[in-house]
């Protein structure tokens, strides 16, 4: 007669059980950048001022091309299929000039990156320039790093609400100015700005400003 061995039942859990499972990604932690100083930072402020000045002011520059021609220095005239850049006028059949410039710009970007590292990304990339601009606004309203950390950790009082609303309102204004400046490259700037404020501009103008306002606000401020 065979012996009957008593079996012990062991309760086990899977390695990836829900209650013991660890998240694959860490929780988002807000970053409070501290203001830097030094020669490189001063040079970066200079580059930021120059690049933003070029972007916002270029559509307002005038260039006399004679009668029956637009006097805007830089203009992408899609309706008449012309591209004006100061004394240069490019027609559709001459677009290979633009293609050549884009190719040279791409090669130049690779050359700069390979020789001096993050010169483009750290100084002249639009993402970098607008983030710096948004940080200037944030520091001017909420203070430096320690003040912003204290404000963020504090309760929602009247002062905190006013500071946050002011900051985001100015960010939205910057985003709208960015989108507005962009569409001025495609039409006569003084005429278009009047149409925008009187509500007579083309719907695509308002849509473009809305999209660029949202993207600038999101990528420059929130992200």
N, C-alpha and C. Protein backbone atom coordinates (compact mmCIF):
# COMPACT_ATOMS: atom_id res chain seq x y z
N UNK A 1 0.85 -1.19 0.00
CA UNK A 1 0.00 0.00 0.00
C UNK A 1 0.89 1.25 0.00
N UNK A 2 0.55 2.20 -0.93
CA UNK A 2 1.38 3.36 -1.11
C UNK A 2 1.11 4.39 -0.03
N UNK A 3 2.23 5.11 0.43
CA UNK A 3 2.06 6.19 1.41
C UNK A 3 1.49 7.42 0.72
N UNK A 4 0.57 8.04 1.39
CA UNK A 4 0.00 9.29 0.88
C UNK A 4 0.72 10.47 1.51
N UNK A 5 1.46 11.22 0.70
CA UNK A 5 2.22 12.38 1.18
C UNK A 5 1.34 13.61 1.16
N UNK A 6 1.36 14.33 2.25
CA UNK A 6 0.56 15.54 2.33
C UNK A 6 1.25 16.67 1.57
N UNK A 7 0.51 17.30 0.65
CA UNK A 7 1.06 18.37 -0.17
C UNK A 7 0.72 19.73 0.45
N UNK A 8 1.70 20.63 0.40
CA UNK A 8 1.49 21.99 0.92
C UNK A 8 1.27 22.94 -0.24
N UNK A 9 0.21 23.70 -0.17
CA UNK A 9 -0.11 24.65 -1.24
C UNK A 9 0.51 26.00 -0.91
N UNK A 10 1.30 26.52 -1.82
CA UNK A 10 1.96 27.80 -1.65
C UNK A 10 1.28 28.84 -2.53
N UNK A 11 0.91 29.94 -1.92
CA UNK A 11 0.30 31.04 -2.65
C UNK A 11 1.39 31.96 -3.20
N UNK A 12 1.43 32.15 -4.49
CA UNK A 12 2.44 33.00 -5.12
C UNK A 12 1.76 34.08 -5.96
N UNK A 13 2.51 35.10 -6.24
CA UNK A 13 2.02 36.19 -7.07
C UNK A 13 2.93 36.36 -8.27
N UNK A 14 2.36 36.81 -9.36
CA UNK A 14 3.16 37.06 -10.55
C UNK A 14 4.10 38.25 -10.31
N UNK A 15 5.16 38.26 -11.04
CA UNK A 15 6.15 39.32 -10.87
C UNK A 15 5.55 40.69 -11.17
N UNK A 16 4.68 40.75 -12.17
CA UNK A 16 4.11 42.03 -12.58
C UNK A 16 2.67 42.19 -12.08
N UNK A 17 2.42 41.73 -10.86
CA UNK A 17 1.10 41.91 -10.28
C UNK A 17 0.77 43.39 -10.18
N UNK A 18 -0.51 43.70 -10.27
CA UNK A 18 -0.93 45.11 -10.31
C UNK A 18 -0.51 45.86 -9.06
N UNK A 19 -0.63 45.23 -7.88
CA UNK A 19 -0.34 45.94 -6.65
C UNK A 19 1.15 46.11 -6.39
N UNK A 20 1.98 45.32 -7.04
CA UNK A 20 3.43 45.44 -6.86
C UNK A 20 4.12 46.02 -8.10
N UNK A 21 3.37 46.25 -9.13
CA UNK A 21 3.95 46.74 -10.37
C UNK A 21 4.39 48.19 -10.22
N UNK A 22 5.59 48.50 -10.65
CA UNK A 22 6.11 49.86 -10.61
C UNK A 22 5.86 50.55 -11.95
N UNK A 23 5.57 51.83 -11.92
CA UNK A 23 5.31 52.54 -13.19
C UNK A 23 6.56 52.59 -14.06
N UNK A 24 6.35 52.53 -15.35
CA UNK A 24 7.46 52.55 -16.29
C UNK A 24 8.06 53.95 -16.43
N UNK A 25 7.30 54.97 -16.13
CA UNK A 25 7.77 56.33 -16.29
C UNK A 25 7.62 57.09 -14.98
N UNK A 26 8.58 57.94 -14.70
CA UNK A 26 8.51 58.74 -13.48
C UNK A 26 7.49 59.86 -13.65
N UNK A 27 6.96 60.29 -12.55
CA UNK A 27 5.99 61.38 -12.58
C UNK A 27 6.67 62.67 -13.04
N UNK A 28 5.91 63.52 -13.70
CA UNK A 28 6.46 64.76 -14.21
C UNK A 28 6.85 65.67 -13.06
N UNK A 29 8.06 66.21 -13.15
CA UNK A 29 8.54 67.15 -12.15
C UNK A 29 8.78 68.50 -12.82
N UNK A 30 8.20 69.52 -12.27
CA UNK A 30 8.31 70.85 -12.85
C UNK A 30 9.73 71.38 -12.70
N UNK A 31 10.22 72.02 -13.74
CA UNK A 31 11.58 72.55 -13.76
C UNK A 31 11.53 74.06 -13.54
N UNK A 32 12.40 74.53 -12.68
CA UNK A 32 12.52 75.97 -12.41
C UNK A 32 13.94 76.40 -12.76
N UNK A 33 14.18 76.78 -14.02
CA UNK A 33 15.55 77.13 -14.41
C UNK A 33 16.04 78.39 -13.70
N UNK A 34 17.29 78.34 -13.30
CA UNK A 34 17.92 79.48 -12.66
C UNK A 34 18.58 80.35 -13.70
N UNK A 35 18.53 81.65 -13.46
CA UNK A 35 19.12 82.58 -14.43
C UNK A 35 20.64 82.43 -14.44
N UNK A 36 21.19 82.26 -15.65
CA UNK A 36 22.64 82.12 -15.81
C UNK A 36 23.26 83.48 -16.11
N UNK A 37 24.55 83.57 -15.91
CA UNK A 37 25.28 84.80 -16.18
C UNK A 37 26.63 84.44 -16.80
N UNK A 38 27.27 85.43 -17.37
CA UNK A 38 28.58 85.20 -17.98
C UNK A 38 28.60 85.68 -19.43
N UNK A 39 29.75 85.54 -20.06
CA UNK A 39 29.93 86.06 -21.41
C UNK A 39 29.07 85.32 -22.43
N UNK A 40 28.95 83.99 -22.29
CA UNK A 40 28.13 83.23 -23.23
C UNK A 40 26.66 83.58 -23.08
N UNK A 41 26.23 83.82 -21.84
CA UNK A 41 24.83 84.18 -21.63
C UNK A 41 24.55 85.58 -22.21
N UNK A 42 25.49 86.50 -22.06
CA UNK A 42 25.31 87.83 -22.64
C UNK A 42 25.27 87.76 -24.16
N UNK A 43 26.12 86.91 -24.72
CA UNK A 43 26.10 86.73 -26.17
C UNK A 43 24.76 86.13 -26.61
N UNK A 44 24.21 85.25 -25.80
CA UNK A 44 22.92 84.64 -26.14
C UNK A 44 21.80 85.67 -26.10
N UNK A 45 21.85 86.61 -25.12
CA UNK A 45 20.86 87.69 -25.08
C UNK A 45 20.96 88.53 -26.36
N UNK A 46 22.18 88.80 -26.81
CA UNK A 46 22.38 89.60 -28.01
C UNK A 46 21.80 88.89 -29.23
N UNK A 47 22.09 87.59 -29.35
CA UNK A 47 21.57 86.81 -30.47
C UNK A 47 20.04 86.78 -30.43
N UNK A 48 19.47 86.63 -29.24
CA UNK A 48 18.02 86.61 -29.10
C UNK A 48 17.41 87.93 -29.57
N UNK A 49 18.00 89.05 -29.18
CA UNK A 49 17.49 90.36 -29.58
C UNK A 49 17.58 90.54 -31.09
N UNK A 50 18.69 90.11 -31.68
CA UNK A 50 18.88 90.28 -33.13
C UNK A 50 17.89 89.41 -33.90
N UNK A 51 17.78 88.14 -33.53
CA UNK A 51 16.90 87.23 -34.28
C UNK A 51 15.44 87.62 -34.14
N UNK A 52 15.01 87.99 -32.94
CA UNK A 52 13.63 88.43 -32.77
C UNK A 52 13.38 89.74 -33.52
N UNK A 53 14.35 90.64 -33.49
CA UNK A 53 14.21 91.89 -34.23
C UNK A 53 14.06 91.65 -35.72
N UNK A 54 14.87 90.73 -36.26
CA UNK A 54 14.78 90.41 -37.69
C UNK A 54 13.40 89.83 -38.02
N UNK A 55 12.93 88.93 -37.17
CA UNK A 55 11.66 88.27 -37.45
C UNK A 55 10.49 89.24 -37.41
N UNK A 56 10.43 90.07 -36.38
CA UNK A 56 9.27 90.95 -36.20
C UNK A 56 9.31 92.19 -37.08
N UNK A 57 10.49 92.69 -37.44
CA UNK A 57 10.60 93.97 -38.15
C UNK A 57 10.75 93.84 -39.66
N UNK A 58 11.23 92.69 -40.13
CA UNK A 58 11.49 92.54 -41.57
C UNK A 58 10.27 92.82 -42.44
N UNK A 59 9.05 92.36 -42.10
CA UNK A 59 7.91 92.65 -42.99
C UNK A 59 7.60 94.13 -43.15
N UNK A 60 8.11 94.98 -42.27
CA UNK A 60 7.81 96.41 -42.33
C UNK A 60 8.85 97.19 -43.12
N UNK A 61 9.93 96.53 -43.55
CA UNK A 61 10.94 97.21 -44.35
C UNK A 61 10.42 97.45 -45.76
N UNK A 62 10.73 98.59 -46.32
CA UNK A 62 10.27 98.95 -47.66
C UNK A 62 11.42 98.89 -48.66
N UNK A 63 11.09 98.63 -49.93
CA UNK A 63 12.09 98.58 -51.00
C UNK A 63 11.42 99.05 -52.29
N UNK A 64 11.90 100.14 -52.84
CA UNK A 64 11.29 100.72 -54.03
C UNK A 64 11.65 99.91 -55.27
N UNK A 65 10.64 99.31 -55.89
CA UNK A 65 10.84 98.53 -57.11
C UNK A 65 10.20 99.20 -58.32
N UNK A 66 9.77 100.41 -58.15
CA UNK A 66 9.14 101.11 -59.25
C UNK A 66 7.63 100.91 -59.25
N UNK A 67 6.94 101.46 -60.26
CA UNK A 67 5.48 101.34 -60.31
C UNK A 67 5.02 99.91 -60.61
N UNK A 68 3.82 99.60 -60.13
CA UNK A 68 3.16 98.31 -60.37
C UNK A 68 3.91 97.13 -59.74
N UNK A 69 4.72 97.40 -58.75
CA UNK A 69 5.42 96.33 -58.03
C UNK A 69 5.33 96.61 -56.54
N UNK A 70 5.21 95.58 -55.72
CA UNK A 70 5.11 95.80 -54.27
C UNK A 70 6.38 96.41 -53.72
N UNK A 71 6.20 97.25 -52.70
CA UNK A 71 7.37 97.92 -52.11
C UNK A 71 7.79 97.30 -50.78
N UNK A 72 7.28 96.11 -50.48
CA UNK A 72 7.71 95.41 -49.26
C UNK A 72 9.02 94.70 -49.55
N UNK A 73 10.02 94.89 -48.69
CA UNK A 73 11.36 94.36 -48.96
C UNK A 73 11.37 92.85 -49.09
N UNK A 74 10.70 92.15 -48.17
CA UNK A 74 10.64 90.69 -48.21
C UNK A 74 9.18 90.30 -48.30
N UNK A 75 8.79 89.67 -49.38
CA UNK A 75 7.38 89.34 -49.61
C UNK A 75 7.28 88.04 -50.38
N UNK A 76 6.44 87.15 -49.88
CA UNK A 76 6.10 85.92 -50.60
C UNK A 76 4.70 86.11 -51.17
N UNK A 77 4.63 86.50 -52.42
CA UNK A 77 3.36 86.82 -53.07
C UNK A 77 2.82 85.56 -53.73
N UNK A 78 2.02 84.79 -52.99
CA UNK A 78 1.51 83.53 -53.52
C UNK A 78 0.49 83.75 -54.62
N UNK A 79 -0.29 84.81 -54.51
CA UNK A 79 -1.32 85.05 -55.53
C UNK A 79 -0.71 85.27 -56.91
N UNK A 80 0.37 86.02 -56.99
CA UNK A 80 1.03 86.29 -58.27
C UNK A 80 2.26 85.42 -58.49
N UNK A 81 2.49 84.49 -57.57
CA UNK A 81 3.60 83.53 -57.69
C UNK A 81 4.94 84.26 -57.88
N UNK A 82 5.22 85.12 -56.90
CA UNK A 82 6.49 85.85 -56.89
C UNK A 82 7.08 85.79 -55.50
N UNK A 83 8.40 85.82 -55.43
CA UNK A 83 9.11 85.92 -54.17
C UNK A 83 10.08 87.08 -54.26
N UNK A 84 9.88 88.07 -53.39
CA UNK A 84 10.70 89.27 -53.40
C UNK A 84 11.60 89.28 -52.16
N UNK A 85 12.88 89.50 -52.40
CA UNK A 85 13.84 89.61 -51.31
C UNK A 85 14.77 90.78 -51.63
N UNK A 86 14.38 91.96 -51.15
CA UNK A 86 15.10 93.19 -51.44
C UNK A 86 15.23 93.38 -52.95
N UNK A 87 16.43 93.31 -53.53
CA UNK A 87 16.59 93.55 -54.96
C UNK A 87 16.40 92.28 -55.79
N UNK A 88 16.11 91.16 -55.15
CA UNK A 88 15.94 89.89 -55.86
C UNK A 88 14.46 89.61 -56.07
N UNK A 89 14.10 89.19 -57.28
CA UNK A 89 12.74 88.79 -57.60
C UNK A 89 12.79 87.40 -58.23
N UNK A 90 12.13 86.44 -57.62
CA UNK A 90 12.18 85.05 -58.07
C UNK A 90 10.80 84.65 -58.59
N UNK A 91 10.76 84.11 -59.80
CA UNK A 91 9.54 83.61 -60.42
C UNK A 91 9.46 82.09 -60.22
N UNK A 92 8.30 81.49 -60.48
CA UNK A 92 8.18 80.03 -60.26
C UNK A 92 9.21 79.21 -61.01
N UNK A 93 9.51 79.57 -62.27
CA UNK A 93 10.48 78.81 -63.05
C UNK A 93 11.91 79.00 -62.55
N UNK A 94 12.09 79.94 -61.63
CA UNK A 94 13.42 80.16 -61.05
C UNK A 94 13.51 79.64 -59.62
N UNK A 95 12.60 78.76 -59.26
CA UNK A 95 12.57 78.28 -57.88
C UNK A 95 13.80 77.44 -57.53
N UNK A 96 14.54 77.01 -58.51
CA UNK A 96 15.76 76.25 -58.21
C UNK A 96 16.75 77.09 -57.42
N UNK A 97 16.64 78.44 -57.52
CA UNK A 97 17.49 79.28 -56.68
C UNK A 97 17.16 79.08 -55.20
N UNK A 98 15.85 79.06 -54.90
CA UNK A 98 15.42 78.84 -53.52
C UNK A 98 15.83 77.44 -53.06
N UNK A 99 15.65 76.45 -53.94
CA UNK A 99 16.07 75.09 -53.58
C UNK A 99 17.56 75.03 -53.29
N UNK A 100 18.34 75.73 -54.09
CA UNK A 100 19.78 75.77 -53.85
C UNK A 100 20.13 76.42 -52.53
N UNK A 101 19.43 77.51 -52.21
CA UNK A 101 19.67 78.17 -50.92
C UNK A 101 19.31 77.25 -49.75
N UNK A 102 18.22 76.50 -49.89
CA UNK A 102 17.83 75.58 -48.82
C UNK A 102 18.84 74.46 -48.66
N UNK A 103 19.36 73.96 -49.77
CA UNK A 103 20.39 72.92 -49.71
C UNK A 103 21.65 73.45 -49.02
N UNK A 104 22.07 74.66 -49.39
CA UNK A 104 23.25 75.25 -48.76
C UNK A 104 23.01 75.52 -47.28
N UNK A 105 21.79 75.93 -46.93
CA UNK A 105 21.47 76.15 -45.52
C UNK A 105 21.55 74.85 -44.73
N UNK A 106 21.04 73.76 -45.34
CA UNK A 106 21.12 72.46 -44.67
C UNK A 106 22.56 72.01 -44.48
N UNK A 107 23.37 72.15 -45.52
CA UNK A 107 24.78 71.77 -45.40
C UNK A 107 25.48 72.65 -44.37
N UNK A 108 25.15 73.94 -44.38
CA UNK A 108 25.75 74.84 -43.39
C UNK A 108 25.37 74.46 -41.96
N UNK A 109 24.12 74.02 -41.78
CA UNK A 109 23.70 73.59 -40.45
C UNK A 109 24.49 72.37 -39.99
N UNK A 110 24.68 71.39 -40.88
CA UNK A 110 25.49 70.22 -40.54
C UNK A 110 26.93 70.61 -40.23
N UNK A 111 27.47 71.56 -41.01
CA UNK A 111 28.85 71.99 -40.81
C UNK A 111 29.00 72.68 -39.45
N UNK A 112 28.08 73.57 -39.13
CA UNK A 112 28.15 74.28 -37.85
C UNK A 112 28.02 73.31 -36.69
N UNK A 113 27.07 72.37 -36.81
CA UNK A 113 26.85 71.41 -35.72
C UNK A 113 28.08 70.53 -35.50
N UNK A 114 28.73 70.13 -36.59
CA UNK A 114 29.88 69.24 -36.46
C UNK A 114 31.12 69.96 -35.97
N UNK A 115 31.19 71.28 -36.16
CA UNK A 115 32.40 72.01 -35.76
C UNK A 115 32.27 72.68 -34.39
N UNK A 116 31.14 73.31 -34.13
CA UNK A 116 30.98 74.03 -32.86
C UNK A 116 29.80 73.52 -32.04
N UNK A 117 29.40 72.29 -32.28
CA UNK A 117 28.40 71.65 -31.42
C UNK A 117 27.02 72.29 -31.51
N UNK A 118 26.48 72.64 -30.37
CA UNK A 118 25.09 73.10 -30.29
C UNK A 118 24.96 74.61 -30.51
N UNK A 119 25.73 75.13 -31.44
CA UNK A 119 25.64 76.58 -31.71
C UNK A 119 24.26 76.95 -32.24
N UNK A 120 23.70 76.12 -33.13
CA UNK A 120 22.37 76.40 -33.67
C UNK A 120 21.30 76.17 -32.60
N UNK A 121 21.32 74.98 -31.99
CA UNK A 121 20.27 74.64 -31.01
C UNK A 121 20.35 75.53 -29.78
N UNK A 122 21.53 75.95 -29.39
CA UNK A 122 21.67 76.71 -28.16
C UNK A 122 21.50 78.20 -28.30
N UNK A 123 21.59 78.73 -29.54
CA UNK A 123 21.58 80.18 -29.71
C UNK A 123 20.53 80.68 -30.69
N UNK A 124 20.34 80.02 -31.81
CA UNK A 124 19.51 80.59 -32.87
C UNK A 124 18.30 79.74 -33.24
N UNK A 125 18.13 78.57 -32.68
CA UNK A 125 16.95 77.77 -32.96
C UNK A 125 15.70 78.51 -32.48
N UNK A 126 14.63 78.58 -33.28
CA UNK A 126 13.42 79.29 -32.84
C UNK A 126 12.88 78.80 -31.50
N UNK A 127 12.94 77.48 -31.26
CA UNK A 127 12.48 76.96 -29.98
C UNK A 127 13.28 77.58 -28.83
N UNK A 128 14.59 77.65 -28.98
CA UNK A 128 15.44 78.22 -27.94
C UNK A 128 15.17 79.71 -27.75
N UNK A 129 15.05 80.43 -28.86
CA UNK A 129 14.87 81.89 -28.78
C UNK A 129 13.56 82.24 -28.09
N UNK A 130 12.48 81.57 -28.47
CA UNK A 130 11.19 81.91 -27.86
C UNK A 130 11.07 81.41 -26.42
N UNK A 131 11.70 80.29 -26.10
CA UNK A 131 11.71 79.85 -24.70
C UNK A 131 12.44 80.88 -23.83
N UNK A 132 13.56 81.40 -24.31
CA UNK A 132 14.26 82.45 -23.58
C UNK A 132 13.38 83.68 -23.39
N UNK A 133 12.65 84.05 -24.43
CA UNK A 133 11.76 85.21 -24.33
C UNK A 133 10.66 84.96 -23.30
N UNK A 134 10.09 83.78 -23.29
CA UNK A 134 9.04 83.45 -22.33
C UNK A 134 9.59 83.42 -20.91
N UNK A 135 10.83 82.95 -20.76
CA UNK A 135 11.44 82.92 -19.43
C UNK A 135 11.71 84.34 -18.91
N UNK A 136 12.05 85.25 -19.83
CA UNK A 136 12.23 86.65 -19.42
C UNK A 136 10.94 87.19 -18.82
N UNK A 137 9.82 86.91 -19.47
CA UNK A 137 8.52 87.35 -18.96
C UNK A 137 8.22 86.70 -17.62
N UNK A 138 8.50 85.41 -17.51
CA UNK A 138 8.21 84.69 -16.26
C UNK A 138 9.03 85.24 -15.11
N UNK A 139 10.31 85.50 -15.33
CA UNK A 139 11.16 86.05 -14.27
C UNK A 139 10.73 87.46 -13.90
N UNK A 140 10.33 88.25 -14.89
CA UNK A 140 9.93 89.63 -14.60
C UNK A 140 8.67 89.67 -13.75
N UNK A 141 7.79 88.70 -13.90
CA UNK A 141 6.52 88.71 -13.17
C UNK A 141 6.61 87.94 -11.87
N UNK A 142 7.18 86.73 -11.90
CA UNK A 142 7.16 85.85 -10.74
C UNK A 142 8.46 85.84 -9.96
N UNK A 143 9.52 86.43 -10.49
CA UNK A 143 10.79 86.45 -9.78
C UNK A 143 11.72 85.35 -10.24
N UNK A 144 12.87 85.25 -9.57
CA UNK A 144 13.87 84.25 -9.94
C UNK A 144 13.45 82.87 -9.43
N UNK A 145 14.36 81.91 -9.51
CA UNK A 145 14.03 80.51 -9.29
C UNK A 145 13.40 80.26 -7.92
N UNK A 146 14.02 80.75 -6.86
CA UNK A 146 13.49 80.49 -5.52
C UNK A 146 12.10 81.09 -5.33
N UNK A 147 11.90 82.29 -5.87
CA UNK A 147 10.59 82.92 -5.75
C UNK A 147 9.53 82.15 -6.52
N UNK A 148 9.89 81.63 -7.69
CA UNK A 148 8.92 80.86 -8.47
C UNK A 148 8.60 79.54 -7.81
N UNK A 149 9.59 78.90 -7.21
CA UNK A 149 9.33 77.64 -6.50
C UNK A 149 8.42 77.87 -5.29
N UNK A 150 8.66 78.95 -4.58
CA UNK A 150 7.83 79.28 -3.42
C UNK A 150 6.40 79.60 -3.86
N UNK A 151 6.28 80.34 -4.95
CA UNK A 151 4.96 80.68 -5.46
C UNK A 151 4.22 79.44 -5.94
N UNK A 152 4.92 78.54 -6.61
CA UNK A 152 4.27 77.33 -7.13
C UNK A 152 3.81 76.42 -5.99
N UNK A 153 4.57 76.36 -4.91
CA UNK A 153 4.20 75.49 -3.78
C UNK A 153 3.14 76.11 -2.89
N UNK A 154 2.94 77.40 -2.97
CA UNK A 154 2.00 78.08 -2.10
C UNK A 154 0.55 77.89 -2.53
N UNK A 155 -0.38 78.27 -1.69
CA UNK A 155 -1.81 78.13 -2.01
C UNK A 155 -2.24 79.14 -3.07
N UNK A 156 -3.41 78.89 -3.64
CA UNK A 156 -3.93 79.78 -4.66
C UNK A 156 -4.58 81.00 -4.01
N UNK A 157 -3.73 81.98 -3.68
CA UNK A 157 -4.21 83.24 -3.13
C UNK A 157 -4.40 84.25 -4.27
N UNK A 158 -4.89 85.44 -3.91
CA UNK A 158 -5.15 86.46 -4.93
C UNK A 158 -3.87 86.87 -5.65
N UNK A 159 -2.76 86.99 -4.93
CA UNK A 159 -1.50 87.39 -5.54
C UNK A 159 -1.03 86.36 -6.56
N UNK A 160 -1.11 85.09 -6.20
CA UNK A 160 -0.68 84.04 -7.10
C UNK A 160 -1.56 84.02 -8.35
N UNK A 161 -2.84 84.20 -8.18
CA UNK A 161 -3.75 84.21 -9.33
C UNK A 161 -3.43 85.37 -10.27
N UNK A 162 -3.19 86.55 -9.72
CA UNK A 162 -2.88 87.73 -10.54
C UNK A 162 -1.57 87.51 -11.30
N UNK A 163 -0.56 86.99 -10.62
CA UNK A 163 0.74 86.76 -11.28
C UNK A 163 0.62 85.74 -12.40
N UNK A 164 -0.09 84.65 -12.14
CA UNK A 164 -0.21 83.61 -13.15
C UNK A 164 -1.03 84.10 -14.35
N UNK A 165 -2.13 84.78 -14.10
CA UNK A 165 -2.95 85.30 -15.20
C UNK A 165 -2.15 86.31 -16.02
N UNK A 166 -1.40 87.18 -15.35
CA UNK A 166 -0.59 88.17 -16.06
C UNK A 166 0.46 87.50 -16.94
N UNK A 167 1.13 86.50 -16.40
CA UNK A 167 2.17 85.81 -17.15
C UNK A 167 1.60 85.13 -18.39
N UNK A 168 0.54 84.38 -18.21
CA UNK A 168 -0.03 83.66 -19.35
C UNK A 168 -0.66 84.60 -20.36
N UNK A 169 -1.20 85.73 -19.91
CA UNK A 169 -1.76 86.72 -20.84
C UNK A 169 -0.66 87.29 -21.73
N UNK A 170 0.48 87.62 -21.14
CA UNK A 170 1.59 88.15 -21.93
C UNK A 170 2.14 87.08 -22.87
N UNK A 171 2.20 85.84 -22.41
CA UNK A 171 2.62 84.74 -23.29
C UNK A 171 1.70 84.63 -24.50
N UNK A 172 0.40 84.76 -24.28
CA UNK A 172 -0.54 84.68 -25.40
C UNK A 172 -0.36 85.86 -26.35
N UNK A 173 -0.07 87.04 -25.81
CA UNK A 173 0.18 88.20 -26.66
C UNK A 173 1.42 87.97 -27.52
N UNK A 174 2.47 87.41 -26.92
CA UNK A 174 3.68 87.09 -27.69
C UNK A 174 3.36 86.08 -28.78
N UNK A 175 2.56 85.06 -28.44
CA UNK A 175 2.18 84.07 -29.45
C UNK A 175 1.39 84.69 -30.58
N UNK A 176 0.46 85.60 -30.26
CA UNK A 176 -0.32 86.27 -31.30
C UNK A 176 0.56 87.17 -32.15
N UNK A 177 1.51 87.86 -31.54
CA UNK A 177 2.44 88.69 -32.30
C UNK A 177 3.32 87.84 -33.22
N UNK A 178 3.67 86.65 -32.75
CA UNK A 178 4.47 85.73 -33.58
C UNK A 178 3.69 85.27 -34.79
N UNK A 179 2.43 84.87 -34.58
CA UNK A 179 1.61 84.47 -35.71
C UNK A 179 1.30 85.62 -36.64
N UNK A 180 1.07 86.82 -36.06
CA UNK A 180 0.82 87.99 -36.90
C UNK A 180 2.00 88.36 -37.75
N UNK A 181 3.19 88.31 -37.17
CA UNK A 181 4.39 88.64 -37.93
C UNK A 181 4.60 87.65 -39.08
N UNK A 182 4.25 86.39 -38.85
CA UNK A 182 4.45 85.38 -39.90
C UNK A 182 3.59 85.67 -41.14
N UNK A 183 2.31 86.01 -40.93
CA UNK A 183 1.44 86.23 -42.09
C UNK A 183 1.80 87.53 -42.82
N UNK A 184 2.50 88.46 -42.15
CA UNK A 184 2.90 89.69 -42.81
C UNK A 184 3.92 89.46 -43.91
N UNK A 185 4.56 88.29 -43.90
CA UNK A 185 5.50 87.96 -44.97
C UNK A 185 4.78 87.59 -46.26
N UNK A 186 3.46 87.35 -46.19
CA UNK A 186 2.72 86.87 -47.35
C UNK A 186 1.76 87.93 -47.92
N UNK A 187 1.76 89.12 -47.35
CA UNK A 187 0.92 90.21 -47.84
C UNK A 187 1.52 91.53 -47.38
N UNK A 188 1.03 92.62 -47.95
CA UNK A 188 1.54 93.93 -47.55
C UNK A 188 1.20 94.16 -46.08
N UNK A 189 2.22 94.33 -45.26
CA UNK A 189 2.04 94.36 -43.81
C UNK A 189 1.12 95.49 -43.34
N UNK A 190 1.33 96.76 -43.75
CA UNK A 190 0.44 97.82 -43.26
C UNK A 190 -1.02 97.61 -43.66
N UNK A 191 -1.24 97.11 -44.89
CA UNK A 191 -2.61 96.86 -45.34
C UNK A 191 -3.24 95.72 -44.56
N UNK A 192 -2.49 94.65 -44.36
CA UNK A 192 -3.03 93.48 -43.68
C UNK A 192 -3.33 93.76 -42.22
N UNK A 193 -2.50 94.53 -41.54
CA UNK A 193 -2.75 94.81 -40.13
C UNK A 193 -4.04 95.60 -39.96
N UNK A 194 -4.35 96.50 -40.92
CA UNK A 194 -5.61 97.22 -40.88
C UNK A 194 -6.80 96.29 -41.10
N UNK A 195 -6.65 95.35 -42.02
CA UNK A 195 -7.73 94.40 -42.28
C UNK A 195 -7.95 93.47 -41.09
N UNK A 196 -6.88 93.11 -40.40
CA UNK A 196 -7.03 92.24 -39.24
C UNK A 196 -7.86 92.89 -38.14
N UNK A 197 -7.62 94.16 -37.88
CA UNK A 197 -8.32 94.84 -36.79
C UNK A 197 -9.73 95.28 -37.18
N UNK A 198 -10.00 95.35 -38.48
CA UNK A 198 -11.35 95.70 -38.92
C UNK A 198 -12.19 94.48 -39.27
N UNK A 199 -11.59 93.29 -39.19
CA UNK A 199 -12.33 92.06 -39.45
C UNK A 199 -12.54 91.76 -40.91
N UNK A 200 -11.79 92.40 -41.80
CA UNK A 200 -11.96 92.19 -43.24
C UNK A 200 -10.86 91.33 -43.85
N UNK A 201 -9.96 90.81 -43.04
CA UNK A 201 -8.89 89.96 -43.57
C UNK A 201 -9.44 88.60 -43.96
N UNK A 202 -8.70 87.88 -44.78
CA UNK A 202 -9.12 86.55 -45.21
C UNK A 202 -9.16 85.60 -44.03
N UNK A 203 -10.09 84.63 -44.03
CA UNK A 203 -10.17 83.68 -42.91
C UNK A 203 -8.86 82.94 -42.65
N UNK A 204 -8.11 82.66 -43.72
CA UNK A 204 -6.86 81.94 -43.53
C UNK A 204 -5.88 82.72 -42.67
N UNK A 205 -5.97 84.05 -42.70
CA UNK A 205 -5.08 84.87 -41.88
C UNK A 205 -5.37 84.66 -40.40
N UNK A 206 -6.65 84.67 -40.04
CA UNK A 206 -7.03 84.46 -38.64
C UNK A 206 -6.72 83.03 -38.18
N UNK A 207 -6.93 82.07 -39.08
CA UNK A 207 -6.64 80.67 -38.73
C UNK A 207 -5.15 80.49 -38.49
N UNK A 208 -4.31 81.08 -39.36
CA UNK A 208 -2.86 80.97 -39.20
C UNK A 208 -2.39 81.60 -37.90
N UNK A 209 -2.93 82.78 -37.58
CA UNK A 209 -2.55 83.43 -36.32
C UNK A 209 -2.96 82.57 -35.13
N UNK A 210 -4.16 81.99 -35.18
CA UNK A 210 -4.64 81.16 -34.07
C UNK A 210 -3.76 79.92 -33.89
N UNK A 211 -3.40 79.28 -34.99
CA UNK A 211 -2.56 78.07 -34.90
C UNK A 211 -1.18 78.41 -34.36
N UNK A 212 -0.56 79.47 -34.89
CA UNK A 212 0.79 79.83 -34.44
C UNK A 212 0.78 80.40 -33.02
N UNK A 213 -0.30 81.05 -32.63
CA UNK A 213 -0.42 81.50 -31.24
C UNK A 213 -0.44 80.31 -30.30
N UNK A 214 -1.25 79.31 -30.65
CA UNK A 214 -1.36 78.12 -29.80
C UNK A 214 -0.05 77.35 -29.74
N UNK A 215 0.62 77.18 -30.87
CA UNK A 215 1.87 76.41 -30.87
C UNK A 215 2.99 77.17 -30.14
N UNK A 216 3.08 78.48 -30.36
CA UNK A 216 4.10 79.27 -29.68
C UNK A 216 3.88 79.26 -28.17
N UNK A 217 2.63 79.43 -27.77
CA UNK A 217 2.29 79.42 -26.34
C UNK A 217 2.59 78.06 -25.70
N UNK A 218 2.28 76.99 -26.44
CA UNK A 218 2.48 75.64 -25.89
C UNK A 218 3.95 75.28 -25.82
N UNK A 219 4.67 75.42 -26.94
CA UNK A 219 6.05 75.00 -26.98
C UNK A 219 6.99 75.98 -26.28
N UNK A 220 6.68 77.26 -26.32
CA UNK A 220 7.55 78.24 -25.68
C UNK A 220 7.31 78.40 -24.19
N UNK A 221 6.06 78.24 -23.76
CA UNK A 221 5.73 78.48 -22.36
C UNK A 221 5.45 77.21 -21.58
N UNK A 222 4.47 76.42 -22.02
CA UNK A 222 4.03 75.28 -21.24
C UNK A 222 5.02 74.13 -21.25
N UNK A 223 5.68 73.92 -22.39
CA UNK A 223 6.57 72.76 -22.51
C UNK A 223 8.02 73.13 -22.23
